[in-house]
Amino acid sequence: MREVAVVGVGMTSFGKSQKSNIEMFSEAAMDAIADAGLKSRDIQSLFLGNVLGGFEEGQIGMAAFAAADIGLPNIPATRVEGICASGALAVREAFIWVASGAYDIVMAGGTERALVMGTSYATRTFQMGSDSRYESGTGVTFPAVFAMAANLYAKKYGIPLVKLKEQMAMVAVKNHKHGVHNPKAQFRKEISVENVLSGMVVCDPLQLYDCCPFSDGAAAIILASADVAKKLAAKPVYIAGVGQASAGPLHNQKDITRFKAREISAKAAYDMAGLTPEDIDVCELHDCFTVAEIIAAEGLGFFEFGKGSEAVEKGETTYGGKITINPSGGLKAKGHPIGATGVAQVYEIVKQLRGEAGERQVEGAKVGMTDTLGGDACTIANIILRA
């Protein structure tokens, strides 16, 4: 397999948009093309992450139309759907096609426009990422899944639930603080532990600020073979390893404080890269809920199991700690347009490894990782990048 590098990145602001899914994607895609110093005609294929276009805009044939909108009506264009991991899967697919030698320059992107649906309709459609036979009918939504995970985590590791709630609140505080320095973040306002703990209960013990928002937004990256990348980019960022794994529905998973699919996927990425968790300087991981960040940090090997919440309290997950997690603000503050999230995570890591992250720059970052979770952890993808 050939070496593959990211040569261009683009991203819209996240939040509420009046633009369509395709218009948002085109904005991000043209920024990525310009960032790479390319023309649209140089792109040989497109992989586009999108989940709910049919419900958002009545549009499911999105990839072909998105390609046409950026001046490429005849290239192979494929929509990729893996629930919240869709964008990450699009990046992985693009990587494989370039690494195999089939293409030299490929675009991966993602777009989603959830806010147009409103809270009730969006909640119903998001629930479709769960098992429709045994979960949806019981009223289980993703807040319920991660509320169960939080309660189980507290019991499993002997942490008083009141204490865990404080530690989860610290995740939200950290990520909002990071998001202040991200001009594309949905929320750019600091909050306090008191703000989190006094918030509306969504699903006990999760409160409003423990939960990521519905978001609109798009992101795009351009991948190229190493020989092409060296001609295009002053600072190409190489994809060192990728991983992807699946799990069955929630009731088939024995322990939702540890997602086996994540551990399998992360190991595949580490093995391909020839790296270990200790080598990772910065990570954008899936903090759809505050407890999800704690569980993910352990599953990726950054902290011992049962110690992730304590690590947050000690400041080990922010600047100056063991590893900086979610300098973009994460899903919690940056936002979570589900089809775009995995690509946006790669966007942030590329910016960090190029040294272009401004006030949120992680000093000396050379190796970064992304972690994207879909549904009830039924689909997880990991990507490791190096400068």
Protein backbone atom coordinates (compact mmCIF):
# COMPACT_ATOMS: atom_id res chain seq x y z
CA MET A 1 0.00 0.00 0.00
CA ARG A 2 1.17 3.52 -0.82
CA GLU A 3 1.63 6.25 1.73
CA VAL A 4 -1.29 8.71 1.77
CA ALA A 5 -1.33 12.32 2.94
CA VAL A 6 -3.94 14.97 3.59
CA VAL A 7 -3.16 17.91 1.31
CA GLY A 8 -6.22 20.11 1.78
CA VAL A 9 -8.91 20.73 4.39
CA GLY A 10 -12.06 22.82 4.56
CA MET A 11 -14.91 23.23 7.01
CA THR A 12 -17.95 25.43 7.49
CA SER A 13 -18.92 27.00 10.78
CA PHE A 14 -21.06 24.63 12.81
CA GLY A 15 -24.43 25.64 14.24
CA LYS A 16 -27.58 26.68 12.41
CA SER A 17 -27.32 27.18 8.65
CA GLN A 18 -29.76 28.45 6.04
CA LYS A 19 -27.80 26.62 3.35
CA SER A 20 -28.73 23.19 2.04
CA ASN A 21 -26.62 20.12 2.70
CA ILE A 22 -25.06 20.34 -0.74
CA GLU A 23 -24.41 24.07 -0.45
CA MET A 24 -22.65 23.57 2.89
CA PHE A 25 -20.59 20.72 1.46
CA SER A 26 -19.61 22.81 -1.55
CA GLU A 27 -18.37 25.60 0.71
CA ALA A 28 -16.16 23.19 2.65
CA ALA A 29 -15.05 21.35 -0.49
CA MET A 30 -13.98 24.48 -2.37
CA ASP A 31 -12.02 25.62 0.69
CA ALA A 32 -10.26 22.24 0.76
CA ILE A 33 -9.47 22.44 -2.95
CA ALA A 34 -8.04 25.93 -2.53
CA ASP A 35 -6.08 24.83 0.54
CA ALA A 36 -4.49 22.07 -1.53
CA GLY A 37 -3.69 24.39 -4.44
CA LEU A 38 -5.74 22.24 -6.79
CA LYS A 39 -8.56 22.67 -9.29
CA SER A 40 -11.86 20.79 -9.04
CA ARG A 41 -10.94 18.76 -12.09
CA ASP A 42 -7.98 17.26 -10.22
CA ILE A 43 -10.30 15.30 -7.90
CA GLN A 44 -10.77 11.74 -9.14
CA SER A 45 -13.42 10.44 -6.73
CA LEU A 46 -15.65 11.56 -3.85
CA PHE A 47 -16.84 9.80 -0.70
CA LEU A 48 -19.52 11.77 1.14
CA GLY A 49 -20.78 11.07 4.64
CA ASN A 50 -24.46 11.85 5.23
CA VAL A 51 -27.04 10.16 7.43
CA LEU A 52 -30.40 11.89 7.42
CA GLY A 53 -30.62 13.79 4.15
CA GLY A 54 -33.83 12.01 3.25
CA PHE A 55 -35.51 13.29 6.42
CA GLU A 56 -33.82 16.69 6.48
CA GLU A 57 -34.43 17.71 2.88
CA GLY A 58 -36.03 14.75 1.13
CA GLN A 59 -32.68 14.17 -0.57
CA ILE A 60 -30.95 10.79 -0.55
CA GLY A 61 -29.04 10.96 -3.86
CA MET A 62 -26.67 13.43 -2.36
CA ALA A 63 -23.15 12.32 -3.36
CA ALA A 64 -23.66 12.63 -7.12
CA PHE A 65 -25.33 16.01 -6.77
CA ALA A 66 -22.60 17.24 -4.41
CA ALA A 67 -19.91 16.26 -6.92
CA ALA A 68 -21.75 18.06 -9.70
CA ASP A 69 -22.08 21.16 -7.55
CA ILE A 70 -18.30 21.52 -7.32
CA GLY A 71 -17.84 20.98 -11.06
CA LEU A 72 -17.35 17.21 -11.16
CA PRO A 73 -20.55 15.71 -12.59
CA ASN A 74 -18.98 12.52 -13.91
CA ILE A 75 -16.56 11.27 -11.26
CA PRO A 76 -17.42 8.27 -9.07
CA ALA A 77 -19.32 9.73 -6.10
CA THR A 78 -20.41 7.54 -3.22
CA ARG A 79 -22.55 8.32 -0.22
CA VAL A 80 -21.22 6.69 2.96
CA GLU A 81 -23.50 6.02 5.94
CA GLY A 82 -22.32 4.75 9.32
CA ILE A 83 -24.58 6.77 11.61
CA CYS A 84 -22.44 9.30 13.53
CA ALA A 85 -19.26 7.68 12.19
CA SER A 86 -20.22 8.32 8.55
CA GLY A 87 -17.61 11.02 7.93
CA ALA A 88 -14.83 8.91 9.42
CA LEU A 89 -15.83 5.97 7.24
CA ALA A 90 -15.73 8.26 4.20
CA VAL A 91 -12.15 9.24 5.10
CA ARG A 92 -11.18 5.60 5.59
CA GLU A 93 -12.68 4.62 2.23
CA ALA A 94 -10.87 7.46 0.47
CA PHE A 95 -7.62 6.45 2.16
CA ILE A 96 -7.94 2.85 0.99
CA TRP A 97 -8.60 3.84 -2.62
CA VAL A 98 -5.52 6.09 -2.72
CA ALA A 99 -3.33 3.64 -0.81
CA SER A 100 -4.30 0.89 -3.24
CA GLY A 101 -3.16 2.92 -6.24
CA ALA A 102 -6.60 3.10 -7.83
CA TYR A 103 -6.63 6.91 -7.52
CA ASP A 104 -4.03 9.58 -6.78
CA ILE A 105 -6.30 12.36 -5.46
CA VAL A 106 -9.60 11.74 -3.67
CA MET A 107 -11.95 13.91 -1.64
CA ALA A 108 -13.73 12.78 1.52
CA GLY A 109 -16.42 14.93 3.03
CA GLY A 110 -19.51 15.00 5.16
CA THR A 111 -22.58 17.19 5.56
CA GLU A 112 -25.66 17.28 7.77
CA ARG A 113 -28.50 19.71 8.45
CA ALA A 114 -30.23 18.43 11.57
CA LEU A 115 -31.54 21.68 13.00
CA VAL A 116 -34.07 22.18 10.21
CA MET A 117 -35.97 19.17 11.57
CA GLY A 118 -36.60 20.54 15.06
CA THR A 119 -35.92 18.70 18.32
CA SER A 120 -38.74 16.13 18.28
CA TYR A 121 -38.31 15.06 14.66
CA ALA A 122 -34.51 15.05 14.90
CA THR A 123 -34.66 12.94 18.06
CA ARG A 124 -36.91 10.43 16.30
CA THR A 125 -34.64 10.15 13.29
CA PHE A 126 -31.48 9.91 15.40
CA GLN A 127 -33.14 7.03 17.26
CA MET A 128 -33.08 5.11 13.99
CA GLY A 129 -29.39 4.49 14.69
CA SER A 130 -30.47 2.10 17.45
CA ASP A 131 -31.92 -1.36 16.95
CA SER A 132 -35.47 -0.86 15.69
CA ARG A 133 -36.81 -4.20 16.93
CA TYR A 134 -35.79 -4.19 20.58
CA GLU A 135 -34.63 -0.69 21.49
CA SER A 136 -36.67 1.96 19.70
CA GLY A 137 -39.97 0.50 20.85
CA THR A 138 -38.92 0.78 24.49
CA GLY A 139 -38.27 4.51 24.12
CA VAL A 140 -34.48 4.13 24.35
CA THR A 141 -32.67 7.10 22.79
CA PHE A 142 -28.96 7.88 22.80
CA PRO A 143 -29.16 10.00 25.98
CA ALA A 144 -30.67 6.94 27.66
CA VAL A 145 -27.87 4.69 26.41
CA PHE A 146 -25.15 6.92 27.79
CA ALA A 147 -27.09 7.58 30.99
CA MET A 148 -27.07 3.82 31.54
CA ALA A 149 -23.35 3.79 30.75
CA ALA A 150 -22.72 6.51 33.35
CA ASN A 151 -24.66 4.67 36.04
CA LEU A 152 -22.89 1.41 35.22
CA TYR A 153 -19.48 3.14 35.20
CA ALA A 154 -20.08 4.58 38.66
CA LYS A 155 -21.16 1.21 40.04
CA LYS A 156 -18.44 -0.81 38.31
CA TYR A 157 -15.58 1.35 39.57
CA GLY A 158 -17.02 2.29 42.95
CA ILE A 159 -17.34 5.99 42.19
CA PRO A 160 -20.15 7.81 44.02
CA LEU A 161 -22.58 9.02 41.38
CA VAL A 162 -22.44 12.55 42.80
CA LYS A 163 -18.67 12.50 42.28
CA LEU A 164 -18.94 11.14 38.74
CA LYS A 165 -21.46 13.85 37.85
CA GLU A 166 -18.94 16.49 38.95
CA GLN A 167 -16.22 14.85 36.89
CA MET A 168 -18.51 14.65 33.84
CA ALA A 169 -19.30 18.33 34.34
CA MET A 170 -15.56 19.02 34.17
CA VAL A 171 -15.51 17.43 30.70
CA ALA A 172 -18.16 19.90 29.53
CA VAL A 173 -16.34 22.83 31.14
CA LYS A 174 -13.05 21.83 29.48
CA ASN A 175 -14.53 21.40 26.03
CA HIS A 176 -16.46 24.67 26.17
CA LYS A 177 -13.23 26.39 27.24
CA HIS A 178 -11.47 24.86 24.24
CA GLY A 179 -14.32 25.84 21.94
CA VAL A 180 -13.91 29.52 22.79
CA HIS A 181 -10.77 29.51 20.65
CA ASN A 182 -12.37 27.77 17.66
CA PRO A 183 -13.92 30.33 15.29
CA LYS A 184 -15.99 27.59 13.63
CA ALA A 185 -17.47 26.18 16.86
CA GLN A 186 -21.20 26.20 17.53
CA PHE A 187 -20.71 27.28 21.16
CA ARG A 188 -17.93 29.75 22.00
CA LYS A 189 -18.81 30.46 25.61
CA GLU A 190 -17.25 29.16 28.79
CA ILE A 191 -19.42 27.44 31.37
CA SER A 192 -18.86 26.36 34.97
CA VAL A 193 -19.36 23.13 36.86
CA GLU A 194 -22.22 24.87 38.64
CA ASN A 195 -23.86 25.66 35.27
CA VAL A 196 -23.72 21.98 34.34
CA LEU A 197 -24.98 20.62 37.67
CA SER A 198 -27.87 23.08 37.83
CA GLY A 199 -29.03 22.29 34.29
CA MET A 200 -32.16 20.49 33.18
CA VAL A 201 -32.06 16.72 33.59
CA VAL A 202 -32.16 15.03 30.18
CA CYS A 203 -31.79 11.43 31.32
CA ASP A 204 -30.48 10.85 34.82
CA PRO A 205 -27.60 11.40 35.50
CA LEU A 206 -27.07 13.35 32.26
CA GLN A 207 -28.03 17.01 32.34
CA LEU A 208 -28.35 19.49 29.51
CA TYR A 209 -24.68 20.49 29.37
CA ASP A 210 -23.63 16.83 29.42
CA CYS A 211 -25.14 16.44 25.94
CA CYS A 212 -23.86 17.59 22.56
CA PRO A 213 -26.21 19.69 20.40
CA PHE A 214 -27.97 19.06 17.13
CA SER A 215 -25.92 20.88 14.49
CA ASP A 216 -25.70 21.91 10.85
CA GLY A 217 -22.35 21.87 9.07
CA ALA A 218 -19.97 20.30 6.58
CA ALA A 219 -16.30 19.42 6.26
CA ALA A 220 -14.06 18.14 3.47
CA ILE A 221 -10.50 16.90 3.10
CA ILE A 222 -8.38 15.93 0.11
CA LEU A 223 -6.14 12.87 0.20
CA ALA A 224 -3.28 12.26 -2.19
CA SER A 225 -0.56 9.70 -2.68
CA ALA A 226 2.72 10.63 -1.01
CA ASP A 227 4.52 11.45 -4.26
CA VAL A 228 1.70 13.79 -5.32
CA ALA A 229 1.43 15.26 -1.83
CA LYS A 230 5.09 16.26 -1.77
CA LYS A 231 4.52 18.38 -4.88
CA LEU A 232 1.38 20.00 -3.50
CA ALA A 233 1.79 20.61 0.20
CA ALA A 234 4.50 22.38 2.15
CA LYS A 235 3.40 20.41 5.23
CA PRO A 236 1.66 17.20 4.16
CA VAL A 237 0.05 15.34 7.05
CA TYR A 238 0.23 11.57 6.57
CA ILE A 239 -2.38 9.01 7.53
CA ALA A 240 -0.36 6.53 9.54
CA GLY A 241 -3.11 4.10 10.49
CA VAL A 242 -6.83 3.47 10.21
CA GLY A 243 -9.20 1.13 11.99
CA GLN A 244 -12.87 0.25 11.87
CA ALA A 245 -14.95 -2.28 13.78
CA SER A 246 -18.58 -3.16 14.34
CA ALA A 247 -20.73 -4.49 17.14
CA GLY A 248 -24.23 -5.85 17.28
CA PRO A 249 -27.18 -4.05 18.83
CA LEU A 250 -26.92 -2.77 22.37
CA HIS A 251 -28.43 -5.85 23.97
CA ASN A 252 -25.66 -8.00 22.44
CA GLN A 253 -22.90 -5.90 24.01
CA LYS A 254 -21.82 -7.25 27.38
CA ASP A 255 -20.33 -4.09 28.88
CA ILE A 256 -21.18 -0.58 27.66
CA THR A 257 -18.54 0.97 29.91
CA ARG A 258 -16.07 -0.62 27.47
CA PHE A 259 -16.94 -0.74 23.79
CA LYS A 260 -15.21 -3.76 22.29
CA ALA A 261 -15.55 -2.35 18.77
CA ARG A 262 -13.51 0.69 19.81
CA GLU A 263 -10.72 -1.42 21.27
CA ILE A 264 -10.56 -3.56 18.10
CA SER A 265 -10.64 -0.53 15.80
CA ALA A 266 -8.05 1.42 17.80
CA LYS A 267 -5.71 -1.58 17.90
CA ALA A 268 -5.94 -1.89 14.11
CA ALA A 269 -5.01 1.79 13.74
CA TYR A 270 -2.15 1.56 16.26
CA ASP A 271 -0.80 -1.60 14.63
CA MET A 272 -0.90 -0.11 11.13
CA ALA A 273 0.85 3.02 12.37
CA GLY A 274 3.37 1.11 14.48
CA LEU A 275 2.46 3.36 17.41
CA THR A 276 1.01 3.10 20.91
CA PRO A 277 -1.33 5.35 22.92
CA GLU A 278 1.72 6.98 24.50
CA ASP A 279 2.74 8.32 21.08
CA ILE A 280 -0.47 10.34 20.58
CA ASP A 281 -0.09 14.07 21.29
CA VAL A 282 -3.62 15.24 20.53
CA CYS A 283 -6.93 13.47 20.06
CA GLU A 284 -10.33 14.43 18.72
CA LEU A 285 -12.69 11.85 20.18
CA HIS A 286 -16.41 11.22 20.26
CA ASP A 287 -17.80 13.19 23.22
CA CYS A 288 -21.47 13.01 22.24
CA PHE A 289 -22.04 12.97 26.01
CA THR A 290 -19.56 13.84 28.73
CA VAL A 291 -19.37 10.27 30.00
CA ALA A 292 -18.66 9.18 26.40
CA GLU A 293 -15.39 11.13 26.45
CA ILE A 294 -14.33 9.43 29.68
CA ILE A 295 -15.15 5.97 28.31
CA ALA A 296 -13.44 6.71 24.98
CA ALA A 297 -10.24 7.99 26.60
CA GLU A 298 -9.94 4.68 28.41
CA GLY A 299 -10.86 2.57 25.39
CA LEU A 300 -8.18 4.27 23.30
CA GLY A 301 -5.57 3.40 25.94
CA PHE A 302 -4.82 6.88 27.27
CA PHE A 303 -5.84 5.98 30.82
CA GLU A 304 -6.46 2.82 32.81
CA PHE A 305 -10.03 1.58 32.88
CA GLY A 306 -11.87 3.26 35.71
CA LYS A 307 -9.36 6.13 35.87
CA GLY A 308 -10.63 8.30 33.01
CA SER A 309 -12.93 10.42 35.16
CA GLU A 310 -10.17 11.01 37.67
CA ALA A 311 -7.84 12.05 34.83
CA VAL A 312 -10.28 14.77 33.80
CA GLU A 313 -10.41 16.06 37.38
CA LYS A 314 -6.60 16.18 37.50
CA GLY A 315 -6.37 18.19 34.26
CA GLU A 316 -4.74 15.36 32.31
CA THR A 317 -6.96 15.84 29.25
CA THR A 318 -6.24 19.48 28.47
CA TYR A 319 -3.22 21.61 27.62
CA GLY A 320 -0.24 20.69 29.80
CA GLY A 321 -1.76 17.32 30.75
CA LYS A 322 -0.96 13.83 29.56
CA ILE A 323 -2.87 14.30 26.29
CA THR A 324 -4.94 17.16 24.94
CA ILE A 325 -8.40 15.84 24.10
CA ASN A 326 -10.81 17.77 21.87
CA PRO A 327 -8.95 21.08 21.46
CA SER A 328 -11.61 22.00 18.87
CA GLY A 329 -14.25 21.97 21.60
CA GLY A 330 -15.32 18.48 20.60
CA LEU A 331 -18.84 17.50 19.67
CA LYS A 332 -19.91 19.14 22.92
CA ALA A 333 -18.93 22.71 21.96
CA LYS A 334 -17.81 22.58 18.31
CA GLY A 335 -21.06 20.82 17.38
CA HIS A 336 -22.12 17.49 15.91
CA PRO A 337 -23.52 17.50 12.35
CA ILE A 338 -23.41 13.74 12.30
CA GLY A 339 -22.44 13.07 8.68
CA ALA A 340 -19.63 15.63 8.89
CA THR A 341 -18.23 14.97 12.36
CA GLY A 342 -15.56 12.40 11.47
CA VAL A 343 -14.19 14.62 8.69
CA ALA A 344 -14.24 17.66 10.97
CA GLN A 345 -12.18 15.71 13.50
CA VAL A 346 -9.55 15.04 10.83
CA TYR A 347 -9.69 18.73 9.86
CA GLU A 348 -8.78 19.68 13.43
CA ILE A 349 -5.93 17.18 13.72
CA VAL A 350 -4.47 18.34 10.40
CA LYS A 351 -4.60 21.95 11.59
CA GLN A 352 -2.88 20.94 14.83
CA LEU A 353 -0.11 18.95 13.11
CA ARG A 354 0.52 21.78 10.65
CA GLY A 355 0.79 24.22 13.56
CA GLU A 356 -2.15 26.24 12.20
CA ALA A 357 -4.59 25.98 15.12
CA GLY A 358 -4.01 29.47 16.50
CA GLU A 359 -4.94 29.97 20.14
CA ARG A 360 -5.99 26.34 20.50
CA GLN A 361 -2.66 25.00 19.20
CA VAL A 362 -1.23 22.02 21.07
CA GLU A 363 2.45 22.87 21.34
CA GLY A 364 4.76 20.42 19.60
CA ALA A 365 1.97 18.15 18.32
CA LYS A 366 3.38 15.62 15.85
CA VAL A 367 0.93 12.72 16.08
CA GLY A 368 -2.85 12.97 16.36
CA MET A 369 -5.78 10.59 16.45
CA THR A 370 -9.51 10.70 15.76
CA ASP A 371 -12.22 8.51 17.25
CA THR A 372 -15.75 8.47 15.84
CA LEU A 373 -18.62 6.39 17.22
CA GLY A 374 -21.81 5.52 15.37
CA GLY A 375 -25.07 4.56 17.02
CA ASP A 376 -24.86 2.39 20.12
CA ALA A 377 -21.16 1.84 19.37
CA CYS A 378 -22.23 -0.51 16.58
CA THR A 379 -19.77 1.27 14.24
CA ILE A 380 -16.48 2.83 15.35
CA ALA A 381 -13.61 4.19 13.27
CA ASN A 382 -10.19 5.51 14.25
CA ILE A 383 -7.62 7.41 12.22
CA ILE A 384 -4.03 8.20 13.22
CA LEU A 385 -2.18 11.05 11.50
CA ARG A 386 1.43 12.19 11.72
CA ALA A 387 3.26 15.30 10.62
